[in-house]
Amino acid sequence: MQEQQSLVVVSAPNKAGKSFIHLLMVLEIPFAVLVNSTREYKRMKELGIINIMQINTFDHYEWLKPEFPVGNIYLFERSLPLCCRYLLMCRKWTKSPIRIISNGLMPRMIYRVLGANEIIVNPNENVTFLMDSLHDFGCIGNSKA
């Protein structure tokens, strides 16, 4: 039996996150998107995304591990509380790196305490530098999402 390929997981509530999703699609890297609202779910569907996980981030009993293997995780920060809840949830799913991408000037050390491997301050929408992290962990060149 063939082992199921792990998916990159992304929370993309801002322009930089959506740019990153577009890059994943162009490079045909398998991924899933985290959303916590019906409105965000519809936006992701409109972008043509297939693997969307809509999760109630207020109810930790709903934070069940996905049925697919989880690889690298990229959480683009829009709000501190939401990003912290995603981080707590995702850390239970994988030992792979979790990266927080913030456009704030002050990196939030709380993310490190909650299990983030890397906190990246990126004040613009350019996300191409994140491709190196995908390459390092064997994600580039895999089949489509």
N, C-alpha and C. Protein backbone atom coordinates (compact mmCIF):
# COMPACT_ATOMS: atom_id res chain seq x y z
N MET A 1 0.84 -1.19 0.00
CA MET A 1 0.00 0.00 0.00
C MET A 1 0.88 1.24 0.00
N GLN A 2 0.54 2.22 -0.84
CA GLN A 2 1.32 3.43 -0.97
C GLN A 2 1.01 4.40 0.17
N GLU A 3 2.06 5.02 0.71
CA GLU A 3 1.90 5.98 1.79
C GLU A 3 1.30 7.26 1.23
N GLN A 4 0.31 7.82 1.95
CA GLN A 4 -0.34 9.05 1.52
C GLN A 4 0.62 10.23 1.72
N GLN A 5 0.67 11.11 0.73
CA GLN A 5 1.56 12.27 0.78
C GLN A 5 1.04 13.31 1.75
N SER A 6 1.95 13.93 2.50
CA SER A 6 1.52 14.98 3.43
C SER A 6 1.23 16.26 2.67
N LEU A 7 0.32 17.04 3.21
CA LEU A 7 -0.08 18.30 2.61
C LEU A 7 0.46 19.45 3.43
N VAL A 8 0.85 20.51 2.74
CA VAL A 8 1.19 21.77 3.39
C VAL A 8 -0.14 22.34 3.87
N VAL A 9 -0.17 22.91 5.06
CA VAL A 9 -1.39 23.52 5.59
C VAL A 9 -1.15 25.01 5.73
N VAL A 10 -2.12 25.81 5.28
CA VAL A 10 -1.97 27.26 5.25
C VAL A 10 -3.21 27.93 5.81
N SER A 11 -3.01 28.94 6.64
CA SER A 11 -4.06 29.87 7.03
C SER A 11 -3.73 31.16 6.32
N ALA A 12 -4.63 31.62 5.46
CA ALA A 12 -4.31 32.76 4.59
C ALA A 12 -5.37 33.85 4.67
N PRO A 13 -5.47 34.54 5.79
CA PRO A 13 -6.51 35.56 5.94
C PRO A 13 -6.14 36.94 5.37
N ASN A 14 -4.97 37.04 4.74
CA ASN A 14 -4.53 38.34 4.23
C ASN A 14 -3.93 38.19 2.83
N LYS A 15 -3.53 39.30 2.23
CA LYS A 15 -3.02 39.28 0.85
C LYS A 15 -1.75 38.44 0.72
N ALA A 16 -0.86 38.53 1.70
CA ALA A 16 0.37 37.74 1.63
C ALA A 16 0.04 36.24 1.65
N GLY A 17 -0.91 35.84 2.48
CA GLY A 17 -1.32 34.44 2.53
C GLY A 17 -1.93 33.97 1.22
N LYS A 18 -2.74 34.81 0.63
CA LYS A 18 -3.35 34.45 -0.65
C LYS A 18 -2.29 34.38 -1.76
N SER A 19 -1.28 35.24 -1.69
CA SER A 19 -0.17 35.17 -2.64
C SER A 19 0.58 33.85 -2.49
N PHE A 20 0.75 33.42 -1.25
CA PHE A 20 1.43 32.16 -0.98
C PHE A 20 0.61 30.98 -1.54
N ILE A 21 -0.68 31.02 -1.37
CA ILE A 21 -1.56 29.98 -1.91
C ILE A 21 -1.43 29.93 -3.43
N HIS A 22 -1.43 31.10 -4.04
CA HIS A 22 -1.29 31.16 -5.50
C HIS A 22 0.03 30.51 -5.94
N LEU A 23 1.09 30.79 -5.21
CA LEU A 23 2.39 30.20 -5.51
C LEU A 23 2.36 28.68 -5.37
N LEU A 24 1.70 28.19 -4.33
CA LEU A 24 1.57 26.74 -4.15
C LEU A 24 0.82 26.11 -5.33
N MET A 25 -0.22 26.79 -5.79
CA MET A 25 -1.00 26.29 -6.92
C MET A 25 -0.15 26.25 -8.19
N VAL A 26 0.58 27.31 -8.44
CA VAL A 26 1.43 27.38 -9.64
C VAL A 26 2.48 26.28 -9.62
N LEU A 27 3.07 26.05 -8.44
CA LEU A 27 4.12 25.03 -8.31
C LEU A 27 3.56 23.62 -8.13
N GLU A 28 2.23 23.50 -8.09
CA GLU A 28 1.54 22.22 -7.95
C GLU A 28 1.96 21.48 -6.68
N ILE A 29 2.07 22.22 -5.60
CA ILE A 29 2.38 21.64 -4.30
C ILE A 29 1.07 21.35 -3.59
N PRO A 30 0.87 20.11 -3.14
CA PRO A 30 -0.39 19.77 -2.47
C PRO A 30 -0.54 20.52 -1.14
N PHE A 31 -1.72 21.11 -0.94
CA PHE A 31 -1.94 21.89 0.27
C PHE A 31 -3.41 21.86 0.67
N ALA A 32 -3.64 22.26 1.92
CA ALA A 32 -4.98 22.45 2.45
C ALA A 32 -5.00 23.80 3.14
N VAL A 33 -6.18 24.40 3.19
CA VAL A 33 -6.32 25.73 3.78
C VAL A 33 -7.20 25.64 5.02
N LEU A 34 -6.80 26.36 6.06
CA LEU A 34 -7.59 26.48 7.28
C LEU A 34 -8.44 27.74 7.21
N VAL A 35 -9.72 27.63 7.53
CA VAL A 35 -10.60 28.79 7.65
C VAL A 35 -11.46 28.60 8.89
N ASN A 36 -11.98 29.70 9.43
CA ASN A 36 -12.86 29.58 10.60
C ASN A 36 -14.20 30.28 10.39
N SER A 37 -14.52 30.61 9.14
CA SER A 37 -15.81 31.24 8.88
C SER A 37 -16.33 30.80 7.52
N THR A 38 -17.62 30.88 7.35
CA THR A 38 -18.26 30.54 6.09
C THR A 38 -17.83 31.52 5.00
N ARG A 39 -17.69 32.78 5.37
CA ARG A 39 -17.27 33.81 4.40
C ARG A 39 -15.88 33.49 3.85
N GLU A 40 -14.95 33.12 4.73
CA GLU A 40 -13.60 32.78 4.29
C GLU A 40 -13.61 31.49 3.47
N TYR A 41 -14.46 30.55 3.85
CA TYR A 41 -14.60 29.30 3.09
C TYR A 41 -15.01 29.62 1.65
N LYS A 42 -15.99 30.48 1.49
CA LYS A 42 -16.47 30.85 0.15
C LYS A 42 -15.37 31.54 -0.65
N ARG A 43 -14.59 32.40 0.00
CA ARG A 43 -13.48 33.08 -0.69
C ARG A 43 -12.46 32.08 -1.20
N MET A 44 -12.16 31.08 -0.39
CA MET A 44 -11.18 30.07 -0.81
C MET A 44 -11.73 29.22 -1.96
N LYS A 45 -13.00 28.89 -1.90
CA LYS A 45 -13.64 28.15 -3.00
C LYS A 45 -13.56 28.94 -4.30
N GLU A 46 -13.78 30.25 -4.20
CA GLU A 46 -13.71 31.11 -5.39
C GLU A 46 -12.31 31.13 -5.99
N LEU A 47 -11.29 30.90 -5.16
CA LEU A 47 -9.92 30.85 -5.65
C LEU A 47 -9.61 29.50 -6.30
N GLY A 48 -10.55 28.56 -6.22
CA GLY A 48 -10.35 27.25 -6.82
C GLY A 48 -9.69 26.23 -5.91
N ILE A 49 -9.67 26.50 -4.63
CA ILE A 49 -9.03 25.60 -3.68
C ILE A 49 -9.97 24.44 -3.37
N ILE A 50 -9.41 23.24 -3.37
CA ILE A 50 -10.18 22.03 -3.15
C ILE A 50 -10.17 21.61 -1.69
N ASN A 51 -9.00 21.58 -1.09
CA ASN A 51 -8.86 21.11 0.29
C ASN A 51 -9.00 22.27 1.27
N ILE A 52 -10.21 22.44 1.81
CA ILE A 52 -10.49 23.52 2.75
C ILE A 52 -11.02 22.90 4.04
N MET A 53 -10.39 23.27 5.15
CA MET A 53 -10.84 22.78 6.46
C MET A 53 -11.46 23.95 7.21
N GLN A 54 -12.79 23.91 7.37
CA GLN A 54 -13.47 24.95 8.14
C GLN A 54 -13.59 24.46 9.57
N ILE A 55 -12.99 25.19 10.50
CA ILE A 55 -12.91 24.75 11.88
C ILE A 55 -13.42 25.84 12.80
N ASN A 56 -14.21 25.43 13.78
CA ASN A 56 -14.65 26.33 14.83
C ASN A 56 -13.49 26.46 15.82
N THR A 57 -12.78 27.57 15.76
CA THR A 57 -11.58 27.72 16.58
C THR A 57 -11.90 27.99 18.05
N PHE A 58 -13.16 28.25 18.38
CA PHE A 58 -13.53 28.47 19.77
C PHE A 58 -13.81 27.17 20.51
N ASP A 59 -14.08 26.10 19.78
CA ASP A 59 -14.42 24.81 20.41
C ASP A 59 -13.29 23.82 20.19
N HIS A 60 -12.42 23.66 21.19
CA HIS A 60 -11.25 22.79 21.02
C HIS A 60 -11.61 21.32 20.82
N TYR A 61 -12.85 20.94 21.07
CA TYR A 61 -13.27 19.57 20.80
C TYR A 61 -13.42 19.31 19.30
N GLU A 62 -13.51 20.36 18.52
CA GLU A 62 -13.60 20.23 17.06
C GLU A 62 -12.22 20.23 16.40
N TRP A 63 -11.16 20.34 17.17
CA TRP A 63 -9.82 20.43 16.61
C TRP A 63 -9.27 19.05 16.31
N LEU A 64 -9.99 18.27 15.56
CA LEU A 64 -9.58 16.92 15.24
C LEU A 64 -8.52 16.93 14.15
N LYS A 65 -7.60 15.99 14.27
CA LYS A 65 -6.54 15.87 13.27
C LYS A 65 -7.16 15.51 11.92
N PRO A 66 -6.69 16.16 10.86
CA PRO A 66 -7.22 15.85 9.52
C PRO A 66 -6.94 14.39 9.14
N GLU A 67 -7.68 13.91 8.17
CA GLU A 67 -7.52 12.52 7.72
C GLU A 67 -6.29 12.34 6.84
N PHE A 68 -5.68 13.42 6.41
CA PHE A 68 -4.48 13.35 5.58
C PHE A 68 -3.26 13.67 6.45
N PRO A 69 -2.09 13.18 6.05
CA PRO A 69 -0.86 13.54 6.78
C PRO A 69 -0.57 15.04 6.62
N VAL A 70 -0.23 15.68 7.72
CA VAL A 70 0.04 17.11 7.73
C VAL A 70 1.55 17.35 7.65
N GLY A 71 1.94 18.19 6.70
CA GLY A 71 3.35 18.55 6.55
C GLY A 71 3.62 19.91 7.17
N ASN A 72 4.41 20.72 6.48
CA ASN A 72 4.72 22.07 6.96
C ASN A 72 3.45 22.90 7.09
N ILE A 73 3.45 23.80 8.06
CA ILE A 73 2.29 24.66 8.30
C ILE A 73 2.74 26.11 8.24
N TYR A 74 1.96 26.92 7.52
CA TYR A 74 2.23 28.35 7.37
C TYR A 74 0.99 29.11 7.83
N LEU A 75 1.13 29.85 8.91
CA LEU A 75 0.02 30.63 9.46
C LEU A 75 0.30 32.11 9.26
N PHE A 76 -0.48 32.73 8.39
CA PHE A 76 -0.33 34.15 8.14
C PHE A 76 -1.20 34.88 9.16
N GLU A 77 -0.58 35.79 9.88
CA GLU A 77 -1.25 36.47 10.99
C GLU A 77 -2.14 37.60 10.52
N ARG A 78 -3.38 37.57 10.96
CA ARG A 78 -4.26 38.73 10.83
C ARG A 78 -4.65 39.21 12.22
N SER A 79 -4.85 38.26 13.13
CA SER A 79 -5.16 38.64 14.50
C SER A 79 -4.39 37.70 15.44
N LEU A 80 -3.93 38.26 16.53
CA LEU A 80 -3.17 37.49 17.51
C LEU A 80 -4.00 36.34 18.09
N PRO A 81 -5.23 36.56 18.54
CA PRO A 81 -6.00 35.45 19.13
C PRO A 81 -6.25 34.30 18.15
N LEU A 82 -6.62 34.62 16.91
CA LEU A 82 -6.89 33.58 15.93
C LEU A 82 -5.62 32.80 15.58
N CYS A 83 -4.53 33.50 15.41
CA CYS A 83 -3.28 32.84 15.07
C CYS A 83 -2.84 31.92 16.22
N CYS A 84 -3.04 32.36 17.46
CA CYS A 84 -2.69 31.52 18.62
C CYS A 84 -3.56 30.26 18.66
N ARG A 85 -4.85 30.39 18.38
CA ARG A 85 -5.73 29.21 18.37
C ARG A 85 -5.32 28.24 17.27
N TYR A 86 -5.04 28.76 16.07
CA TYR A 86 -4.57 27.89 14.99
C TYR A 86 -3.28 27.19 15.38
N LEU A 87 -2.38 27.91 15.99
CA LEU A 87 -1.10 27.34 16.39
C LEU A 87 -1.28 26.22 17.42
N LEU A 88 -2.10 26.45 18.43
CA LEU A 88 -2.37 25.40 19.42
C LEU A 88 -2.97 24.16 18.77
N MET A 89 -3.87 24.37 17.85
CA MET A 89 -4.54 23.28 17.16
C MET A 89 -3.55 22.51 16.28
N CYS A 90 -2.82 23.23 15.46
CA CYS A 90 -1.93 22.59 14.48
C CYS A 90 -0.74 21.89 15.12
N ARG A 91 -0.27 22.39 16.24
CA ARG A 91 0.89 21.76 16.87
C ARG A 91 0.59 20.31 17.25
N LYS A 92 -0.68 20.01 17.51
CA LYS A 92 -1.08 18.63 17.85
C LYS A 92 -1.08 17.72 16.62
N TRP A 93 -1.11 18.30 15.45
CA TRP A 93 -1.25 17.53 14.22
C TRP A 93 0.06 17.05 13.64
N THR A 94 1.16 17.72 13.92
CA THR A 94 2.41 17.41 13.22
C THR A 94 3.63 17.79 14.03
N LYS A 95 4.73 17.14 13.70
CA LYS A 95 6.03 17.53 14.24
C LYS A 95 6.80 18.36 13.22
N SER A 96 6.21 18.51 12.03
CA SER A 96 6.83 19.34 10.98
C SER A 96 6.83 20.80 11.42
N PRO A 97 7.66 21.61 10.78
CA PRO A 97 7.75 23.02 11.16
C PRO A 97 6.44 23.78 10.98
N ILE A 98 6.21 24.67 11.94
CA ILE A 98 5.10 25.62 11.85
C ILE A 98 5.72 27.01 11.81
N ARG A 99 5.36 27.76 10.77
CA ARG A 99 5.88 29.11 10.59
C ARG A 99 4.74 30.12 10.71
N ILE A 100 4.99 31.15 11.47
CA ILE A 100 4.05 32.26 11.59
C ILE A 100 4.62 33.40 10.75
N ILE A 101 3.80 33.94 9.86
CA ILE A 101 4.23 35.05 9.03
C ILE A 101 3.41 36.26 9.45
N SER A 102 4.09 37.24 10.02
CA SER A 102 3.43 38.42 10.57
C SER A 102 3.89 39.66 9.82
N ASN A 103 2.99 40.61 9.61
CA ASN A 103 3.40 41.87 8.99
C ASN A 103 3.64 42.93 10.05
N GLY A 104 3.53 42.54 11.32
CA GLY A 104 3.77 43.46 12.42
C GLY A 104 5.25 43.73 12.61
N LEU A 105 5.55 44.84 13.22
CA LEU A 105 6.93 45.21 13.44
C LEU A 105 7.53 44.51 14.67
N MET A 106 6.67 44.08 15.57
CA MET A 106 7.17 43.41 16.77
C MET A 106 6.80 41.93 16.71
N PRO A 107 7.80 41.07 16.56
CA PRO A 107 7.48 39.64 16.56
C PRO A 107 6.90 39.25 17.91
N ARG A 108 5.94 38.37 17.87
CA ARG A 108 5.24 37.98 19.09
C ARG A 108 5.84 36.68 19.63
N MET A 109 6.54 36.79 20.73
CA MET A 109 7.21 35.64 21.32
C MET A 109 6.22 34.59 21.85
N ILE A 110 4.97 34.99 22.03
CA ILE A 110 3.96 34.02 22.48
C ILE A 110 3.86 32.87 21.49
N TYR A 111 4.10 33.14 20.22
CA TYR A 111 4.03 32.09 19.20
C TYR A 111 5.08 31.02 19.45
N ARG A 112 6.25 31.42 19.85
CA ARG A 112 7.32 30.46 20.14
C ARG A 112 6.91 29.59 21.33
N VAL A 113 6.34 30.20 22.35
CA VAL A 113 5.90 29.47 23.54
C VAL A 113 4.82 28.45 23.18
N LEU A 114 3.97 28.80 22.23
CA LEU A 114 2.87 27.91 21.83
C LEU A 114 3.28 26.85 20.82
N GLY A 115 4.54 26.88 20.36
CA GLY A 115 5.01 25.80 19.50
C GLY A 115 5.45 26.16 18.10
N ALA A 116 5.49 27.44 17.77
CA ALA A 116 5.96 27.83 16.43
C ALA A 116 7.45 27.58 16.33
N ASN A 117 7.88 27.06 15.18
CA ASN A 117 9.31 26.85 14.94
C ASN A 117 9.99 28.12 14.45
N GLU A 118 9.22 28.95 13.75
CA GLU A 118 9.80 30.15 13.17
C GLU A 118 8.76 31.26 13.13
N ILE A 119 9.17 32.47 13.47
CA ILE A 119 8.31 33.64 13.40
C ILE A 119 8.97 34.59 12.40
N ILE A 120 8.27 34.85 11.32
CA ILE A 120 8.83 35.64 10.23
C ILE A 120 8.09 36.96 10.15
N VAL A 121 8.83 38.05 10.22
CA VAL A 121 8.23 39.37 10.04
C VAL A 121 8.40 39.74 8.58
N ASN A 122 7.27 39.94 7.92
CA ASN A 122 7.27 40.24 6.49
C ASN A 122 6.29 41.39 6.26
N PRO A 123 6.77 42.63 6.19
CA PRO A 123 5.87 43.78 6.08
C PRO A 123 5.23 43.97 4.71
N ASN A 124 5.55 43.10 3.74
CA ASN A 124 4.94 43.27 2.41
C ASN A 124 4.29 41.96 1.97
N GLU A 125 3.82 41.93 0.74
CA GLU A 125 3.11 40.76 0.23
C GLU A 125 4.00 39.78 -0.51
N ASN A 126 5.29 40.05 -0.61
CA ASN A 126 6.21 39.16 -1.29
C ASN A 126 6.45 37.93 -0.42
N VAL A 127 6.10 36.77 -0.94
CA VAL A 127 6.24 35.53 -0.16
C VAL A 127 7.14 34.50 -0.85
N THR A 128 7.80 34.90 -1.91
CA THR A 128 8.61 33.94 -2.66
C THR A 128 9.75 33.37 -1.81
N PHE A 129 10.21 34.11 -0.81
CA PHE A 129 11.28 33.61 0.05
C PHE A 129 10.85 32.36 0.81
N LEU A 130 9.56 32.13 0.97
CA LEU A 130 9.07 30.94 1.67
C LEU A 130 9.26 29.67 0.84
N MET A 131 9.49 29.81 -0.45
CA MET A 131 9.69 28.63 -1.29
C MET A 131 10.92 27.84 -0.86
N ASP A 132 11.92 28.52 -0.34
CA ASP A 132 13.11 27.81 0.15
C ASP A 132 12.75 26.82 1.25
N SER A 133 11.84 27.21 2.13
CA SER A 133 11.45 26.31 3.22
C SER A 133 10.69 25.10 2.70
N LEU A 134 9.95 25.26 1.62
CA LEU A 134 9.26 24.12 1.02
C LEU A 134 10.27 23.19 0.35
N HIS A 135 11.24 23.76 -0.30
CA HIS A 135 12.27 22.97 -0.97
C HIS A 135 13.08 22.16 0.04
N ASP A 136 13.41 22.79 1.16
CA ASP A 136 14.21 22.12 2.20
C ASP A 136 13.53 20.87 2.74
N PHE A 137 12.22 20.84 2.71
CA PHE A 137 11.51 19.70 3.28
C PHE A 137 10.85 18.82 2.22
N GLY A 138 11.32 18.93 0.97
CA GLY A 138 10.89 18.02 -0.07
C GLY A 138 9.49 18.24 -0.61
N CYS A 139 8.95 19.43 -0.47
CA CYS A 139 7.59 19.68 -0.95
C CYS A 139 7.55 20.06 -2.41
N ILE A 140 8.58 20.69 -2.92
CA ILE A 140 8.56 21.17 -4.30
C ILE A 140 8.74 20.00 -5.26
N GLY A 141 7.87 20.03 -6.29
CA GLY A 141 7.96 19.01 -7.33
C GLY A 141 6.99 17.87 -7.12
N ASN A 142 6.14 17.95 -6.11
CA ASN A 142 5.17 16.89 -5.85
C ASN A 142 3.90 17.13 -6.68
N SER A 143 2.98 16.21 -6.59
CA SER A 143 1.75 16.29 -7.38
C SER A 143 0.81 17.39 -6.87
N LYS A 144 -0.22 17.64 -7.67
CA LYS A 144 -1.16 18.73 -7.44
C LYS A 144 -2.05 18.53 -6.22
N ALA A 145 -2.51 19.64 -5.65
CA ALA A 145 -3.45 19.61 -4.51
C ALA A 145 -4.84 19.28 -4.98
